[in-house]
Structures are given as C-alpha cells and as structure tokens.
Amino acid sequence: MKNITFYILLFLTSVMTQAQNGQNMNVKLDSLGNAQFTMDVKLSAQQWDVWNSSYGSNPAMIKRELERSMPAYFLDNFKLEKNDMERSFRLGFVGYGVCEIDKKGKWIINTDQKNAQITEMNASRYMLVTQGENNTPGAMMNLQFPKEAKKIKQDKDAFGNVIFTFIMEENHSKPNYLMLGGFAFIILGIAGFIWKFIQK
C-alpha cells in the first residue's frame, strides 16, 4: 500500500532539519482520490539559518527532494511561502492517486502510523498527532475527507498501521434527454447545411 503520510513526515524530518518547534500538515482529499497537501513548519533561529541557506533559497531543490522521497506519486502545483519574521514556511502541492481502492470498491488511505493519537473533529475531518522521539508529540496532521466520502472507519493493516477506509458515493444524475435531443437536431441541421453546400 502507498503510505503517503510516512513519506511526507520522512521528508519533513530528514530533509527539513527536524523542525521540533512545530510541524502541521493538512491533507484535503477530493472525490478522485487525489490530495491537496499544505505543510506549515516553524523552525528555531539556528534551524532557520540552515534551512534557509540550503533549501529556502532554492525551491527547485525542495521539489526535487520531495519527488525523490515519494517516487510512487505524481506531484504537481508546488508553492512555497516563507515568513522570515516568524522563521516559518508553508509548502503546498497536489498528490495524485494517494488513495487506493480494494477489490470490493472500498477506498483506503494508509497513515503508516501505529501509535498516532487520532481525534475525530467531525464526520469528515480527523486530526492525527504522531509520536516524536522519547514519546514526545511529533507532527500534527489534519485529514479532510471529501463530502462524497461515507462510512469512514479507522482500521489497521497487516502491520498494525492505522488506515482509514471509506466508500465514495457517486452522483448518478439523470441525463437531460431534451437537451441531448436538441444537440442532436443542431448537429443534424449543420450536417444537412454542409451537405447541401457541397452538392452545389
């Protein structure tokens, strides 16, 4: 299974200097199984100097490192915003196909976390707090499911990692036969006009 959260946290901790002062990740899923990621990271003065001199001044390097750490995903729409006064930055991007669908049509997203503290904020939003070193609180992730997601449940995979399963309701709208018929008559009319023009 694809463990999107694991790769994101690995990137934050190993590439971005282990920001202990604050890590916050928002994951907003859409009805196609894609996700909009937004990471907010706050650093100490020393960490900011190191990060800013290596990655902050070269957004292309951040993009390259993140793509390298997540080879199973297609990432797009990167955006980096820095706040020098607060020694913080916000990184946003889109990940395509972060959810899997099993043989029964059930949608799955794997957090790759065994001991995360999970709080249900509402019917479609959950907050996960991962464990850092020495059982201290690590990064916080807000997971927002789309409105089409129903029967959201917490479960575990074969390795004991927390996963979320859900079903995605489809909007089966009835076709507008009058509109389709109108388009058909328009097409036939244009075709007839072209045919008469050719025959002249």
N, C-alpha and C. Protein backbone atom coordinates (compact mmCIF):
# COMPACT_ATOMS: atom_id res chain seq x y z
N MET A 1 0.83 -1.20 0.00
CA MET A 1 0.00 0.00 0.00
C MET A 1 0.86 1.25 0.00
N LYS A 2 0.30 2.30 -0.51
CA LYS A 2 1.00 3.57 -0.54
C LYS A 2 0.85 4.26 0.81
N ASN A 3 1.98 4.60 1.42
CA ASN A 3 1.95 5.22 2.74
C ASN A 3 2.33 6.68 2.62
N ILE A 4 1.36 7.49 2.25
CA ILE A 4 1.63 8.89 1.93
C ILE A 4 2.14 9.66 3.13
N THR A 5 1.58 9.42 4.30
CA THR A 5 1.98 10.19 5.48
C THR A 5 3.41 9.89 5.87
N PHE A 6 3.81 8.64 5.73
CA PHE A 6 5.18 8.26 6.07
C PHE A 6 6.19 9.04 5.24
N TYR A 7 5.96 9.13 3.94
CA TYR A 7 6.90 9.82 3.08
C TYR A 7 6.94 11.31 3.39
N ILE A 8 5.77 11.89 3.67
CA ILE A 8 5.73 13.32 3.99
C ILE A 8 6.50 13.61 5.26
N LEU A 9 6.26 12.83 6.30
CA LEU A 9 6.93 13.06 7.58
C LEU A 9 8.41 12.77 7.47
N LEU A 10 8.77 11.76 6.69
CA LEU A 10 10.18 11.46 6.48
C LEU A 10 10.87 12.64 5.81
N PHE A 11 10.19 13.24 4.85
CA PHE A 11 10.75 14.40 4.17
C PHE A 11 10.91 15.58 5.13
N LEU A 12 9.89 15.81 5.95
CA LEU A 12 9.95 16.92 6.89
C LEU A 12 11.07 16.75 7.91
N THR A 13 11.23 15.54 8.41
CA THR A 13 12.19 15.34 9.50
C THR A 13 13.62 15.19 9.00
N SER A 14 13.82 14.50 7.88
CA SER A 14 15.18 14.26 7.42
C SER A 14 15.71 15.37 6.52
N VAL A 15 14.87 15.91 5.65
CA VAL A 15 15.32 16.93 4.71
C VAL A 15 15.23 18.32 5.31
N MET A 16 14.22 18.57 6.11
CA MET A 16 13.99 19.93 6.62
C MET A 16 14.43 20.08 8.07
N THR A 17 15.56 19.50 8.42
CA THR A 17 16.29 19.79 9.65
C THR A 17 15.55 19.46 10.94
N GLN A 18 14.61 18.54 10.91
CA GLN A 18 13.94 18.10 12.13
C GLN A 18 13.35 19.27 12.90
N ALA A 19 12.35 19.86 12.34
CA ALA A 19 11.72 21.04 12.95
C ALA A 19 10.92 20.64 14.17
N GLN A 20 11.51 20.80 15.35
CA GLN A 20 10.85 20.39 16.59
C GLN A 20 9.89 21.44 17.11
N ASN A 21 10.02 22.69 16.66
CA ASN A 21 9.16 23.75 17.19
C ASN A 21 7.74 23.67 16.67
N GLY A 22 7.54 23.06 15.54
CA GLY A 22 6.18 22.99 15.04
C GLY A 22 6.09 22.42 13.63
N GLN A 23 5.29 21.40 13.48
CA GLN A 23 5.01 20.83 12.17
C GLN A 23 3.51 20.63 12.09
N ASN A 24 2.93 21.08 11.00
CA ASN A 24 1.49 20.94 10.83
C ASN A 24 1.22 20.62 9.37
N MET A 25 0.51 19.53 9.12
CA MET A 25 0.24 19.13 7.76
C MET A 25 -1.26 18.96 7.56
N ASN A 26 -1.77 19.59 6.53
CA ASN A 26 -3.18 19.45 6.17
C ASN A 26 -3.29 18.66 4.88
N VAL A 27 -4.12 17.65 4.90
CA VAL A 27 -4.34 16.80 3.73
C VAL A 27 -5.82 16.85 3.39
N LYS A 28 -6.13 17.41 2.24
CA LYS A 28 -7.52 17.53 1.81
C LYS A 28 -7.75 16.63 0.60
N LEU A 29 -8.51 15.56 0.81
CA LEU A 29 -8.79 14.61 -0.26
C LEU A 29 -9.94 15.09 -1.13
N ASP A 30 -9.89 14.73 -2.40
CA ASP A 30 -11.03 15.02 -3.27
C ASP A 30 -11.72 13.73 -3.68
N SER A 31 -12.76 13.83 -4.47
CA SER A 31 -13.58 12.67 -4.81
C SER A 31 -12.89 11.73 -5.79
N LEU A 32 -11.72 12.12 -6.32
CA LEU A 32 -10.98 11.26 -7.24
C LEU A 32 -9.84 10.52 -6.54
N GLY A 33 -9.67 10.77 -5.24
CA GLY A 33 -8.59 10.11 -4.51
C GLY A 33 -7.29 10.89 -4.54
N ASN A 34 -7.32 12.12 -5.06
CA ASN A 34 -6.15 12.99 -5.04
C ASN A 34 -6.16 13.81 -3.75
N ALA A 35 -5.07 14.49 -3.48
CA ALA A 35 -5.00 15.24 -2.23
C ALA A 35 -4.22 16.54 -2.41
N GLN A 36 -4.72 17.58 -1.76
CA GLN A 36 -4.01 18.86 -1.66
C GLN A 36 -3.27 18.85 -0.33
N PHE A 37 -1.94 18.93 -0.37
CA PHE A 37 -1.12 18.94 0.84
C PHE A 37 -0.68 20.36 1.15
N THR A 38 -0.78 20.72 2.42
CA THR A 38 -0.27 22.01 2.88
C THR A 38 0.51 21.76 4.16
N MET A 39 1.81 22.06 4.15
CA MET A 39 2.66 21.86 5.32
C MET A 39 3.06 23.21 5.90
N ASP A 40 2.88 23.36 7.19
CA ASP A 40 3.33 24.55 7.90
C ASP A 40 4.42 24.12 8.88
N VAL A 41 5.60 24.69 8.74
CA VAL A 41 6.75 24.32 9.57
C VAL A 41 7.35 25.57 10.19
N LYS A 42 7.59 25.50 11.50
CA LYS A 42 8.23 26.61 12.23
C LYS A 42 9.55 26.12 12.79
N LEU A 43 10.61 26.90 12.61
CA LEU A 43 11.95 26.49 12.99
C LEU A 43 12.55 27.42 14.04
N SER A 44 13.56 26.90 14.73
CA SER A 44 14.32 27.74 15.64
C SER A 44 15.24 28.64 14.80
N ALA A 45 15.90 29.57 15.45
CA ALA A 45 16.76 30.51 14.73
C ALA A 45 17.89 29.77 14.01
N GLN A 46 18.51 28.82 14.70
CA GLN A 46 19.61 28.06 14.09
C GLN A 46 19.10 27.19 12.94
N GLN A 47 17.97 26.52 13.14
CA GLN A 47 17.41 25.68 12.10
C GLN A 47 17.01 26.52 10.88
N TRP A 48 16.48 27.72 11.14
CA TRP A 48 16.06 28.57 10.04
C TRP A 48 17.25 28.98 9.17
N ASP A 49 18.36 29.32 9.82
CA ASP A 49 19.56 29.70 9.06
C ASP A 49 20.04 28.56 8.18
N VAL A 50 20.04 27.36 8.75
CA VAL A 50 20.50 26.19 7.98
C VAL A 50 19.55 25.90 6.83
N TRP A 51 18.25 25.88 7.16
CA TRP A 51 17.26 25.56 6.12
C TRP A 51 17.21 26.63 5.03
N ASN A 52 17.26 27.88 5.46
CA ASN A 52 17.13 28.97 4.51
C ASN A 52 18.32 29.03 3.55
N SER A 53 19.50 28.69 4.05
CA SER A 53 20.69 28.73 3.20
C SER A 53 20.75 27.55 2.24
N SER A 54 20.10 26.45 2.59
CA SER A 54 20.17 25.26 1.73
C SER A 54 18.94 25.08 0.87
N TYR A 55 17.74 25.15 1.47
CA TYR A 55 16.50 24.88 0.74
C TYR A 55 15.66 26.13 0.50
N GLY A 56 15.63 27.02 1.47
CA GLY A 56 14.76 28.18 1.36
C GLY A 56 15.06 29.07 0.18
N SER A 57 16.32 29.13 -0.19
CA SER A 57 16.72 29.96 -1.32
C SER A 57 16.68 29.19 -2.64
N ASN A 58 16.29 27.93 -2.59
CA ASN A 58 16.27 27.10 -3.79
C ASN A 58 15.02 26.20 -3.78
N PRO A 59 13.84 26.75 -4.09
CA PRO A 59 12.60 25.95 -4.08
C PRO A 59 12.66 24.73 -5.00
N ALA A 60 13.43 24.84 -6.09
CA ALA A 60 13.55 23.70 -7.01
C ALA A 60 14.17 22.49 -6.31
N MET A 61 15.05 22.73 -5.35
CA MET A 61 15.67 21.64 -4.61
C MET A 61 14.65 20.95 -3.72
N ILE A 62 13.75 21.74 -3.11
CA ILE A 62 12.69 21.16 -2.29
C ILE A 62 11.81 20.25 -3.15
N LYS A 63 11.44 20.75 -4.30
CA LYS A 63 10.60 19.96 -5.22
C LYS A 63 11.31 18.67 -5.61
N ARG A 64 12.58 18.76 -5.95
CA ARG A 64 13.33 17.58 -6.36
C ARG A 64 13.46 16.56 -5.23
N GLU A 65 13.76 17.04 -4.03
CA GLU A 65 13.92 16.13 -2.89
C GLU A 65 12.60 15.46 -2.52
N LEU A 66 11.53 16.24 -2.58
CA LEU A 66 10.23 15.68 -2.24
C LEU A 66 9.81 14.62 -3.26
N GLU A 67 10.04 14.88 -4.53
CA GLU A 67 9.72 13.91 -5.57
C GLU A 67 10.58 12.66 -5.42
N ARG A 68 11.83 12.84 -5.01
CA ARG A 68 12.72 11.70 -4.81
C ARG A 68 12.29 10.85 -3.62
N SER A 69 11.77 11.49 -2.57
CA SER A 69 11.35 10.75 -1.38
C SER A 69 9.98 10.10 -1.56
N MET A 70 9.25 10.50 -2.61
CA MET A 70 7.91 9.95 -2.87
C MET A 70 7.83 9.48 -4.33
N PRO A 71 8.61 8.48 -4.70
CA PRO A 71 8.67 8.06 -6.12
C PRO A 71 7.38 7.43 -6.63
N ALA A 72 6.51 6.98 -5.73
CA ALA A 72 5.29 6.29 -6.16
C ALA A 72 4.17 7.26 -6.54
N TYR A 73 4.42 8.56 -6.37
CA TYR A 73 3.36 9.53 -6.59
C TYR A 73 3.73 10.54 -7.66
N PHE A 74 2.70 11.06 -8.31
CA PHE A 74 2.89 12.18 -9.23
C PHE A 74 2.50 13.45 -8.49
N LEU A 75 3.47 14.33 -8.28
CA LEU A 75 3.26 15.55 -7.52
C LEU A 75 3.25 16.75 -8.46
N ASP A 76 2.43 17.74 -8.12
CA ASP A 76 2.26 18.88 -9.02
C ASP A 76 1.86 20.12 -8.21
N ASN A 77 1.89 21.27 -8.86
CA ASN A 77 1.43 22.54 -8.28
C ASN A 77 2.15 22.89 -6.98
N PHE A 78 3.46 22.89 -7.00
CA PHE A 78 4.25 23.24 -5.82
C PHE A 78 4.18 24.75 -5.57
N LYS A 79 4.08 25.10 -4.30
CA LYS A 79 4.06 26.50 -3.93
C LYS A 79 4.72 26.67 -2.56
N LEU A 80 5.70 27.54 -2.47
CA LEU A 80 6.43 27.78 -1.23
C LEU A 80 6.25 29.22 -0.79
N GLU A 81 5.84 29.41 0.47
CA GLU A 81 5.70 30.74 1.05
C GLU A 81 6.57 30.81 2.32
N LYS A 82 7.43 31.80 2.39
CA LYS A 82 8.32 31.94 3.54
C LYS A 82 7.93 33.16 4.38
N ASN A 83 8.14 33.04 5.68
CA ASN A 83 7.93 34.15 6.60
C ASN A 83 9.21 34.31 7.43
N ASP A 84 10.07 35.23 7.00
CA ASP A 84 11.36 35.39 7.67
C ASP A 84 11.20 35.89 9.10
N MET A 85 10.19 36.71 9.34
CA MET A 85 9.99 37.26 10.68
C MET A 85 9.63 36.16 11.68
N GLU A 86 8.82 35.20 11.23
CA GLU A 86 8.38 34.13 12.12
C GLU A 86 9.24 32.88 12.01
N ARG A 87 10.22 32.91 11.11
CA ARG A 87 11.07 31.75 10.83
C ARG A 87 10.22 30.51 10.54
N SER A 88 9.31 30.69 9.59
CA SER A 88 8.41 29.60 9.24
C SER A 88 8.18 29.61 7.73
N PHE A 89 7.67 28.50 7.24
CA PHE A 89 7.34 28.43 5.82
C PHE A 89 6.12 27.54 5.62
N ARG A 90 5.46 27.74 4.50
CA ARG A 90 4.32 26.91 4.11
C ARG A 90 4.61 26.32 2.73
N LEU A 91 4.48 25.02 2.64
CA LEU A 91 4.71 24.32 1.38
C LEU A 91 3.42 23.62 0.96
N GLY A 92 2.98 23.90 -0.23
CA GLY A 92 1.76 23.28 -0.74
C GLY A 92 2.02 22.56 -2.05
N PHE A 93 1.33 21.47 -2.27
CA PHE A 93 1.42 20.74 -3.53
C PHE A 93 0.25 19.77 -3.63
N VAL A 94 0.06 19.23 -4.82
CA VAL A 94 -1.00 18.26 -5.06
C VAL A 94 -0.38 16.90 -5.32
N GLY A 95 -0.95 15.87 -4.70
CA GLY A 95 -0.53 14.48 -4.94
C GLY A 95 -1.68 13.73 -5.58
N TYR A 96 -1.40 13.10 -6.72
CA TYR A 96 -2.45 12.38 -7.44
C TYR A 96 -2.45 10.89 -7.05
N GLY A 97 -3.65 10.37 -6.85
CA GLY A 97 -3.82 8.95 -6.57
C GLY A 97 -3.28 8.50 -5.23
N VAL A 98 -3.49 9.29 -4.18
CA VAL A 98 -2.97 8.90 -2.87
C VAL A 98 -3.85 7.86 -2.18
N CYS A 99 -5.06 7.70 -2.66
CA CYS A 99 -5.96 6.68 -2.10
C CYS A 99 -5.94 5.43 -3.00
N GLU A 100 -6.14 4.28 -2.35
CA GLU A 100 -6.25 3.03 -3.08
C GLU A 100 -7.69 2.53 -3.01
N ILE A 101 -8.06 1.70 -3.95
CA ILE A 101 -9.38 1.08 -3.95
C ILE A 101 -9.18 -0.43 -3.99
N ASP A 102 -9.77 -1.13 -3.02
CA ASP A 102 -9.61 -2.59 -3.00
C ASP A 102 -10.60 -3.26 -3.96
N LYS A 103 -10.58 -4.57 -3.98
CA LYS A 103 -11.40 -5.32 -4.92
C LYS A 103 -12.90 -5.15 -4.65
N LYS A 104 -13.25 -4.78 -3.43
CA LYS A 104 -14.66 -4.60 -3.08
C LYS A 104 -15.13 -3.16 -3.29
N GLY A 105 -14.27 -2.33 -3.83
CA GLY A 105 -14.65 -0.94 -4.07
C GLY A 105 -14.48 -0.03 -2.87
N LYS A 106 -13.80 -0.52 -1.84
CA LYS A 106 -13.58 0.30 -0.64
C LYS A 106 -12.32 1.14 -0.83
N TRP A 107 -12.41 2.42 -0.47
CA TRP A 107 -11.28 3.34 -0.58
C TRP A 107 -10.43 3.27 0.68
N ILE A 108 -9.11 3.38 0.51
CA ILE A 108 -8.19 3.21 1.64
C ILE A 108 -7.11 4.28 1.57
N ILE A 109 -6.80 4.89 2.72
CA ILE A 109 -5.62 5.74 2.85
C ILE A 109 -4.85 5.27 4.07
N ASN A 110 -3.56 5.02 3.89
CA ASN A 110 -2.70 4.45 4.92
C ASN A 110 -1.85 5.54 5.55
N THR A 111 -1.89 5.64 6.89
CA THR A 111 -1.11 6.66 7.58
C THR A 111 0.30 6.18 7.94
N ASP A 112 0.52 4.86 7.92
CA ASP A 112 1.80 4.27 8.31
C ASP A 112 2.19 4.63 9.74
N GLN A 113 1.19 4.84 10.58
CA GLN A 113 1.42 5.17 11.98
C GLN A 113 0.73 4.14 12.87
N LYS A 114 1.48 3.61 13.82
CA LYS A 114 0.91 2.61 14.72
C LYS A 114 0.36 3.24 16.00
N ASN A 115 0.99 4.29 16.46
CA ASN A 115 0.63 4.86 17.76
C ASN A 115 0.17 6.30 17.69
N ALA A 116 -0.34 6.70 16.56
CA ALA A 116 -0.81 8.08 16.43
C ALA A 116 -2.06 8.30 17.26
N GLN A 117 -2.14 9.47 17.87
CA GLN A 117 -3.35 9.85 18.59
C GLN A 117 -4.34 10.45 17.60
N ILE A 118 -5.51 9.84 17.48
CA ILE A 118 -6.48 10.24 16.47
C ILE A 118 -7.70 10.84 17.14
N THR A 119 -8.07 12.02 16.68
CA THR A 119 -9.26 12.69 17.21
C THR A 119 -10.21 12.98 16.06
N GLU A 120 -11.46 12.57 16.23
CA GLU A 120 -12.48 12.85 15.21
C GLU A 120 -13.04 14.24 15.45
N MET A 121 -12.74 15.17 14.54
CA MET A 121 -13.19 16.54 14.69
C MET A 121 -14.66 16.70 14.28
N ASN A 122 -15.01 16.04 13.18
CA ASN A 122 -16.40 15.97 12.75
C ASN A 122 -16.53 14.74 11.85
N ALA A 123 -17.64 14.63 11.14
CA ALA A 123 -17.90 13.42 10.36
C ALA A 123 -16.92 13.20 9.22
N SER A 124 -16.24 14.26 8.78
CA SER A 124 -15.34 14.12 7.63
C SER A 124 -13.93 14.66 7.89
N ARG A 125 -13.62 14.98 9.14
CA ARG A 125 -12.30 15.54 9.44
C ARG A 125 -11.72 14.89 10.69
N TYR A 126 -10.44 14.47 10.56
CA TYR A 126 -9.74 13.82 11.66
C TYR A 126 -8.40 14.51 11.88
N MET A 127 -7.96 14.49 13.13
CA MET A 127 -6.66 15.04 13.48
C MET A 127 -5.79 13.92 14.03
N LEU A 128 -4.58 13.80 13.48
CA LEU A 128 -3.63 12.79 13.92
C LEU A 128 -2.39 13.48 14.48
N VAL A 129 -1.97 13.05 15.66
CA VAL A 129 -0.73 13.55 16.26
C VAL A 129 0.22 12.38 16.36
N THR A 130 1.33 12.45 15.65
CA THR A 130 2.30 11.36 15.64
C THR A 130 3.23 11.47 16.84
N GLN A 131 3.90 10.39 17.15
CA GLN A 131 4.84 10.38 18.25
C GLN A 131 6.23 10.74 17.76
N GLY A 132 6.88 11.65 18.50
CA GLY A 132 8.25 12.01 18.18
C GLY A 132 9.20 11.17 19.00
N GLU A 133 10.41 11.68 19.15
CA GLU A 133 11.40 10.97 19.94
C GLU A 133 11.04 11.02 21.43
N ASN A 134 11.37 9.93 22.14
CA ASN A 134 11.11 9.82 23.58
C ASN A 134 9.63 10.02 23.90
N ASN A 135 8.76 9.53 22.98
CA ASN A 135 7.31 9.59 23.17
C ASN A 135 6.77 11.01 23.27
N THR A 136 7.50 11.96 22.72
CA THR A 136 7.02 13.35 22.71
C THR A 136 6.12 13.55 21.49
N PRO A 137 5.20 14.51 21.54
CA PRO A 137 4.33 14.76 20.38
C PRO A 137 5.14 15.15 19.16
N GLY A 138 4.82 14.56 18.03
CA GLY A 138 5.53 14.86 16.80
C GLY A 138 4.72 15.80 15.93
N ALA A 139 4.61 15.45 14.66
CA ALA A 139 3.87 16.29 13.73
C ALA A 139 2.37 16.08 13.89
N MET A 140 1.62 17.10 13.50
CA MET A 140 0.16 17.01 13.55
C MET A 140 -0.37 17.04 12.12
N MET A 141 -1.30 16.15 11.84
CA MET A 141 -1.88 16.09 10.51
C MET A 141 -3.39 16.21 10.61
N ASN A 142 -3.95 17.11 9.80
CA ASN A 142 -5.40 17.23 9.68
C ASN A 142 -5.81 16.57 8.37
N LEU A 143 -6.66 15.57 8.46
CA LEU A 143 -7.10 14.81 7.31
C LEU A 143 -8.55 15.14 7.01
N GLN A 144 -8.78 15.76 5.86
CA GLN A 144 -10.13 16.18 5.46
C GLN A 144 -10.62 15.31 4.32
N PHE A 145 -11.71 14.57 4.55
CA PHE A 145 -12.31 13.73 3.52
C PHE A 145 -13.30 14.55 2.70
N PRO A 146 -13.51 14.16 1.45
CA PRO A 146 -14.48 14.88 0.61
C PRO A 146 -15.91 14.61 1.08
N LYS A 147 -16.83 15.46 0.65
CA LYS A 147 -18.22 15.31 1.07
C LYS A 147 -18.84 14.03 0.56
N GLU A 148 -18.27 13.47 -0.54
CA GLU A 148 -18.80 12.22 -1.09
C GLU A 148 -18.40 11.00 -0.28
N ALA A 149 -17.43 11.15 0.63
CA ALA A 149 -16.94 10.02 1.43
C ALA A 149 -17.95 9.67 2.52
N LYS A 150 -18.33 8.41 2.57
CA LYS A 150 -19.29 7.93 3.56
C LYS A 150 -18.72 6.69 4.28
N LYS A 151 -19.27 6.43 5.44
CA LYS A 151 -18.89 5.27 6.25
C LYS A 151 -17.38 5.24 6.49
N ILE A 152 -16.84 6.38 6.95
CA ILE A 152 -15.41 6.48 7.24
C ILE A 152 -15.12 5.70 8.53
N LYS A 153 -14.15 4.80 8.44
CA LYS A 153 -13.81 3.96 9.59
C LYS A 153 -12.30 3.89 9.77
N GLN A 154 -11.88 3.81 11.04
CA GLN A 154 -10.48 3.58 11.35
C GLN A 154 -10.24 2.07 11.41
N ASP A 155 -9.14 1.64 10.88
CA ASP A 155 -8.80 0.23 10.88
C ASP A 155 -7.29 0.09 10.94
N LYS A 156 -6.79 -1.13 10.85
CA LYS A 156 -5.35 -1.37 10.84
C LYS A 156 -5.01 -2.34 9.72
N ASP A 157 -3.83 -2.15 9.15
CA ASP A 157 -3.39 -3.07 8.10
C ASP A 157 -2.69 -4.26 8.73
N ALA A 158 -2.08 -5.10 7.91
CA ALA A 158 -1.43 -6.31 8.40
C ALA A 158 -0.24 -6.01 9.31
N PHE A 159 0.30 -4.80 9.23
CA PHE A 159 1.46 -4.43 10.04
C PHE A 159 1.07 -3.62 11.28
N GLY A 160 -0.22 -3.46 11.50
CA GLY A 160 -0.69 -2.72 12.66
C GLY A 160 -0.73 -1.23 12.48
N ASN A 161 -0.52 -0.76 11.25
CA ASN A 161 -0.58 0.68 10.99
C ASN A 161 -2.03 1.14 10.83
N VAL A 162 -2.30 2.35 11.28
CA VAL A 162 -3.65 2.89 11.20
C VAL A 162 -3.98 3.23 9.75
N ILE A 163 -5.13 2.78 9.30
CA ILE A 163 -5.64 3.14 7.98
C ILE A 163 -7.06 3.66 8.13
N PHE A 164 -7.50 4.39 7.16
CA PHE A 164 -8.89 4.83 7.09
C PHE A 164 -9.52 4.20 5.86
N THR A 165 -10.69 3.62 6.05
CA THR A 165 -11.44 3.07 4.92
C THR A 165 -12.75 3.83 4.79
N PHE A 166 -13.22 3.94 3.57
CA PHE A 166 -14.48 4.65 3.32
C PHE A 166 -15.00 4.26 1.96
N ILE A 167 -16.22 4.62 1.71
CA ILE A 167 -16.80 4.43 0.38
C ILE A 167 -17.06 5.81 -0.22
N MET A 168 -17.02 5.87 -1.52
CA MET A 168 -17.21 7.14 -2.20
C MET A 168 -18.52 7.09 -2.97
N GLU A 169 -19.46 7.91 -2.55
CA GLU A 169 -20.74 7.95 -3.23
C GLU A 169 -20.60 8.64 -4.57
N GLU A 170 -21.25 8.09 -5.57
CA GLU A 170 -21.22 8.68 -6.90
C GLU A 170 -22.53 9.40 -7.15
N ASN A 171 -22.43 10.52 -7.82
CA ASN A 171 -23.63 11.28 -8.17
C ASN A 171 -24.15 10.78 -9.51
N HIS A 172 -25.21 9.97 -9.46
CA HIS A 172 -25.78 9.44 -10.68
C HIS A 172 -26.90 10.37 -11.15
N SER A 173 -26.54 11.40 -11.84
CA SER A 173 -27.54 12.34 -12.32
C SER A 173 -28.19 11.80 -13.58
N LYS A 174 -29.50 12.03 -13.70
CA LYS A 174 -30.22 11.55 -14.86
C LYS A 174 -29.88 12.39 -16.08
N PRO A 175 -29.70 11.77 -17.24
CA PRO A 175 -29.38 12.55 -18.44
C PRO A 175 -30.55 13.41 -18.86
N ASN A 176 -30.26 14.58 -19.36
CA ASN A 176 -31.28 15.50 -19.83
C ASN A 176 -31.56 15.17 -21.30
N TYR A 177 -32.63 14.36 -21.50
CA TYR A 177 -32.91 13.88 -22.84
C TYR A 177 -33.34 15.01 -23.77
N LEU A 178 -34.04 16.02 -23.24
CA LEU A 178 -34.45 17.14 -24.08
C LEU A 178 -33.23 17.90 -24.60
N MET A 179 -32.24 18.10 -23.71
CA MET A 179 -31.03 18.79 -24.13
C MET A 179 -30.27 17.97 -25.15
N LEU A 180 -30.16 16.64 -24.89
CA LEU A 180 -29.46 15.78 -25.83
C LEU A 180 -30.15 15.78 -27.19
N GLY A 181 -31.51 15.77 -27.17
CA GLY A 181 -32.25 15.80 -28.42
C GLY A 181 -32.02 17.10 -29.17
N GLY A 182 -31.97 18.21 -28.42
CA GLY A 182 -31.71 19.50 -29.04
C GLY A 182 -30.35 19.54 -29.71
N PHE A 183 -29.32 19.01 -29.01
CA PHE A 183 -28.00 18.96 -29.61
C PHE A 183 -28.00 18.10 -30.86
N ALA A 184 -28.74 17.00 -30.81
CA ALA A 184 -28.80 16.10 -31.97
C ALA A 184 -29.40 16.81 -33.18
N PHE A 185 -30.49 17.57 -32.97
CA PHE A 185 -31.11 18.30 -34.07
C PHE A 185 -30.18 19.38 -34.62
N ILE A 186 -29.43 20.03 -33.72
CA ILE A 186 -28.49 21.06 -34.17
C ILE A 186 -27.41 20.45 -35.05
N ILE A 187 -26.89 19.30 -34.58
CA ILE A 187 -25.84 18.62 -35.35
C ILE A 187 -26.37 18.17 -36.71
N LEU A 188 -27.60 17.62 -36.72
CA LEU A 188 -28.18 17.19 -37.98
C LEU A 188 -28.41 18.37 -38.91
N GLY A 189 -28.84 19.49 -38.35
CA GLY A 189 -29.06 20.68 -39.17
C GLY A 189 -27.78 21.17 -39.80
N ILE A 190 -26.70 21.22 -38.99
CA ILE A 190 -25.41 21.66 -39.52
C ILE A 190 -24.91 20.71 -40.59
N ALA A 191 -25.07 19.39 -40.32
CA ALA A 191 -24.63 18.40 -41.29
C ALA A 191 -25.40 18.55 -42.60
N GLY A 192 -26.73 18.79 -42.49
CA GLY A 192 -27.54 18.97 -43.70
C GLY A 192 -27.13 20.20 -44.48
N PHE A 193 -26.83 21.29 -43.75
CA PHE A 193 -26.40 22.52 -44.42
C PHE A 193 -25.08 22.31 -45.18
N ILE A 194 -24.14 21.63 -44.51
CA ILE A 194 -22.84 21.36 -45.14
C ILE A 194 -23.02 20.48 -46.38
N TRP A 195 -23.90 19.47 -46.27
CA TRP A 195 -24.15 18.58 -47.40
C TRP A 195 -24.73 19.33 -48.60
N LYS A 196 -25.67 20.22 -48.33
CA LYS A 196 -26.27 21.00 -49.43
C LYS A 196 -25.22 21.93 -50.06
N PHE A 197 -24.36 22.49 -49.22
CA PHE A 197 -23.31 23.39 -49.72
C PHE A 197 -22.34 22.64 -50.62
N ILE A 198 -22.03 21.40 -50.24
CA ILE A 198 -21.12 20.59 -51.02
C ILE A 198 -21.73 20.21 -52.36
N GLN A 199 -23.05 19.94 -52.36
CA GLN A 199 -23.71 19.49 -53.57
C GLN A 199 -23.82 20.62 -54.63
N LYS A 200 -23.71 21.87 -54.23
CA LYS A 200 -23.86 22.97 -55.18
C LYS A 200 -22.62 23.08 -56.09
